[in-house]
Protein backbone atom coordinates (compact mmCIF):
# COMPACT_ATOMS: atom_id res chain seq x y z
CA UNK A 1 10.69 -4.19 -42.24
CA UNK A 2 10.30 -2.62 -38.76
CA UNK A 3 7.30 -0.08 -38.56
CA UNK A 4 9.44 3.10 -37.28
CA UNK A 5 6.25 4.16 -35.21
CA UNK A 6 6.60 1.25 -32.74
CA UNK A 7 10.26 1.08 -32.39
CA UNK A 8 10.12 4.83 -31.39
CA UNK A 9 7.67 3.90 -28.75
CA UNK A 10 9.07 1.13 -27.07
CA UNK A 11 12.40 3.42 -25.70
CA UNK A 12 10.65 6.33 -25.05
CA UNK A 13 7.76 3.49 -22.68
CA UNK A 14 10.39 2.21 -21.29
CA UNK A 15 11.94 5.32 -20.08
CA UNK A 16 8.73 6.60 -18.99
CA UNK A 17 8.26 3.48 -16.91
CA UNK A 18 11.68 3.78 -15.28
CA UNK A 19 10.73 7.34 -14.55
CA UNK A 20 7.67 6.50 -12.68
CA UNK A 21 9.51 3.71 -10.99
CA UNK A 22 12.42 6.02 -9.51
CA UNK A 23 9.34 9.04 -8.60
CA UNK A 24 8.11 5.90 -6.95
CA UNK A 25 10.87 5.05 -4.75
CA UNK A 26 12.12 8.14 -4.11
CA UNK A 27 8.14 9.26 -2.43
CA UNK A 28 8.64 6.47 -0.61
CA UNK A 29 12.03 6.51 0.60
CA UNK A 30 10.93 10.15 1.78
CA UNK A 31 7.96 8.52 3.44
CA UNK A 32 9.83 6.92 6.71
CA UNK A 33 11.65 4.09 7.81
CA UNK A 34 9.66 1.30 8.38
CA UNK A 35 10.84 -2.12 7.11
CA UNK A 36 7.75 -2.48 5.42
CA UNK A 37 8.90 0.84 2.92
CA UNK A 38 12.39 -1.02 2.55
CA UNK A 39 10.79 -4.36 1.66
CA UNK A 40 8.55 -1.99 -1.33
CA UNK A 41 11.92 -0.73 -2.22
CA UNK A 42 13.44 -3.79 -2.34
CA UNK A 43 11.02 -5.28 -4.75
CA UNK A 44 8.84 -6.97 -2.30
CA UNK A 45 4.83 -7.83 -2.46
CA UNK A 46 2.63 -5.04 -1.35
CA UNK A 47 1.48 -4.62 1.98
CA UNK A 48 -1.35 -6.28 3.29
CA UNK A 49 -4.01 -4.23 4.62
CA UNK A 50 -6.14 -6.05 7.38
CA UNK A 51 -7.71 -2.91 8.98
CA UNK A 52 -8.86 0.07 7.50
CA UNK A 53 -7.18 3.27 7.87
CA UNK A 54 -9.80 4.92 10.16
CA UNK A 55 -10.52 1.77 11.78
CA UNK A 56 -9.77 0.28 15.26
CA UNK A 57 -7.67 -2.35 15.64
CA UNK A 58 -7.55 -5.08 18.10
CA UNK A 59 -4.41 -5.83 20.07
CA UNK A 60 -2.31 -8.71 19.94
CA UNK A 61 -2.36 -11.75 17.47
CA UNK A 62 1.43 -11.55 16.54
CA UNK A 63 4.15 -14.31 17.28
CA UNK A 64 7.14 -14.26 19.89
CA UNK A 65 10.01 -14.19 17.65
CA UNK A 66 13.74 -13.14 17.46
CA UNK A 67 14.62 -14.10 13.89
CA UNK A 68 17.84 -15.27 12.11
CA UNK A 69 20.45 -12.76 10.61
CA UNK A 70 18.81 -10.56 7.63
CA UNK A 71 20.25 -7.77 5.60
CA UNK A 72 18.90 -5.00 4.07
CA UNK A 73 20.67 -2.04 2.10
CA UNK A 74 24.25 -3.73 2.14
CA UNK A 75 23.92 -4.43 6.34
CA UNK A 76 23.40 -7.44 8.32
CA UNK A 77 21.49 -7.15 11.45
CA UNK A 78 21.36 -10.07 14.29
CA UNK A 79 18.30 -10.12 16.55
CA UNK A 80 18.71 -11.16 19.94
CA UNK A 81 17.94 -10.99 23.44
CA UNK A 82 20.17 -8.38 25.02
CA UNK A 83 19.06 -7.33 28.27
CA UNK A 84 22.16 -4.55 28.22
CA UNK A 85 20.95 -2.69 25.42
CA UNK A 86 20.91 0.96 25.84
CA UNK A 87 22.03 2.85 23.03
CA UNK A 88 21.33 6.82 22.24
CA UNK A 89 20.95 8.17 18.59
CA UNK A 90 17.89 9.46 16.53
CA UNK A 91 14.41 8.61 16.33
CA UNK A 92 12.06 8.65 13.45
CA UNK A 93 8.25 8.37 13.87
CA UNK A 94 5.87 6.42 11.42
CA UNK A 95 2.01 5.98 11.20
CA UNK A 96 -0.73 7.66 9.33
CA UNK A 97 -2.78 6.12 6.59
CA UNK A 98 -0.04 4.60 4.84
CA UNK A 99 0.80 1.88 7.93
CA UNK A 100 -2.31 1.60 10.05
CA UNK A 101 -4.26 -1.78 9.60
CA UNK A 102 -1.31 -3.07 8.31
CA UNK A 103 0.98 -6.02 9.76
CA UNK A 104 4.10 -5.65 12.00
CA UNK A 105 7.25 -8.07 11.42
CA UNK A 106 5.28 -10.13 14.08
CA UNK A 107 2.35 -10.55 12.82
CA UNK A 108 0.63 -7.66 15.07
CA UNK A 109 -1.83 -5.24 13.27
CA UNK A 110 0.03 -1.90 13.32
CA UNK A 111 -2.58 0.86 15.15
CA UNK A 112 -0.51 4.45 14.76
CA UNK A 113 -2.95 5.18 18.18
CA UNK A 114 -0.76 2.93 20.35
CA UNK A 115 2.65 3.16 22.43
CA UNK A 116 4.57 0.87 19.96
CA UNK A 117 7.70 1.12 18.16
CA UNK A 118 10.26 -1.01 15.97
CA UNK A 119 13.55 -1.65 16.24
CA UNK A 120 16.22 -3.74 13.85
CA UNK A 121 17.35 -6.11 16.87
CA UNK A 122 15.12 -6.29 19.79
CA UNK A 123 13.25 -9.62 20.15
CA UNK A 124 9.28 -9.38 19.14
CA UNK A 125 7.27 -8.35 21.07
CA UNK A 126 9.13 -6.88 23.90
CA UNK A 127 9.44 -3.72 25.93
CA UNK A 128 11.72 -0.89 25.82
CA UNK A 129 12.25 2.51 27.35
CA UNK A 130 12.67 5.32 25.38
CA UNK A 131 13.64 8.72 26.81
CA UNK A 132 13.26 12.25 24.80
CA UNK A 133 17.04 13.40 25.13
CA UNK A 134 15.84 17.05 24.72
CA UNK A 135 12.89 17.43 27.44
CA UNK A 136 13.14 13.99 29.14
CA UNK A 137 10.18 12.65 28.68
CA UNK A 138 10.23 8.94 28.89
CA UNK A 139 8.00 6.04 28.08
CA UNK A 140 8.10 2.30 27.64
CA UNK A 141 7.03 1.22 24.53
CA UNK A 142 5.75 -2.22 22.91
CA UNK A 143 8.24 -2.78 20.44
CA UNK A 144 6.34 -5.27 17.51
CA UNK A 145 7.96 -4.61 14.33
CA UNK A 146 11.57 -3.99 12.34
CA UNK A 147 13.33 -1.14 11.70
CA UNK A 148 14.43 1.93 10.94
CA UNK A 149 16.49 1.50 7.89
CA UNK A 150 17.24 4.95 6.89
CA UNK A 151 20.81 7.14 7.78
CA UNK A 152 21.76 5.55 11.59
CA UNK A 153 17.95 5.99 12.98
CA UNK A 154 18.04 3.74 15.89
CA UNK A 155 14.04 3.32 16.54
CA UNK A 156 11.26 4.09 15.06
CA UNK A 157 8.18 5.13 17.36
CA UNK A 158 4.55 4.84 16.81
CA UNK A 159 2.30 8.28 15.63
CA UNK A 160 1.07 8.38 19.82
CA UNK A 161 4.37 7.74 21.13
CA UNK A 162 5.92 10.64 19.27
CA UNK A 163 2.73 12.72 20.47
CA UNK A 164 3.85 11.72 24.25
CA UNK A 165 7.34 12.27 23.78
CA UNK A 166 6.69 15.58 22.21
CA UNK A 167 8.49 14.96 18.70
CA UNK A 168 5.59 14.41 16.31
CA UNK A 169 6.03 18.41 15.00
CA UNK A 170 9.85 17.46 14.68
CA UNK A 171 9.61 14.08 12.92
CA UNK A 172 13.36 13.28 14.30
CA UNK A 173 14.40 13.93 17.50
CA UNK A 174 17.22 12.13 20.14
CA UNK A 175 16.48 9.58 22.31
CA UNK A 176 18.00 6.87 24.54
CA UNK A 177 16.74 3.16 24.27
CA UNK A 178 16.90 0.72 26.81
CA UNK A 179 15.78 -2.71 26.57
CA UNK A 180 13.26 -3.78 29.34
CA UNK A 181 12.49 -7.32 28.82
CA UNK A 182 10.22 -9.66 26.73
CA UNK A 183 6.70 -8.38 26.08
CA UNK A 184 3.25 -11.05 26.28
CA UNK A 185 1.65 -12.00 22.89
CA UNK A 186 -2.19 -10.53 24.17
CA UNK A 187 -0.85 -6.95 22.89
CA UNK A 188 -3.22 -5.40 25.36
CA UNK A 189 -0.55 -3.26 27.35
CA UNK A 190 -1.72 0.29 26.32
CA UNK A 191 -3.20 0.92 29.98
CA UNK A 192 -0.17 -0.01 31.41
CA UNK A 193 2.11 1.62 29.21
CA UNK A 194 0.18 4.59 29.06
């Protein structure tokens, strides 16, 4: 004979657990667009925090990679070095405590206070010129991460880059992205980029 209290509790627990998963997925999806959040939604391991949310990050430490073709959300991306890459579209910015101090796709540590970006196919690390089409401001960024994977966004820029391009308060902006070339592995290019 089955215990009615136990059998009644099982469906309720499944519903509650399912609701928590759905709420967490919606919350994470609303946080932004980086590869890390996409991986979390896809069931990957939680991200590794290497440096505390308010700690200083040592630049560099990553590896050069172009990478193999990969699929996210039913779309396939083919990383490659494309000197003619020149695209326009929506940019978003990512940063804050959630990302600061975590590993980027090429193994560097993300620092929201540096001039960096995430792109779906550029070699890592590389340089790209990002121009805010609304105000004409332009800056060369260090591309050291993958993303964004929401809608038709073409690039994710760091919090600092969003401030310099006057996009932070808007969250999104229309930009032009142009590939400049490979970046060194030392990662200490902040003075040059600023």
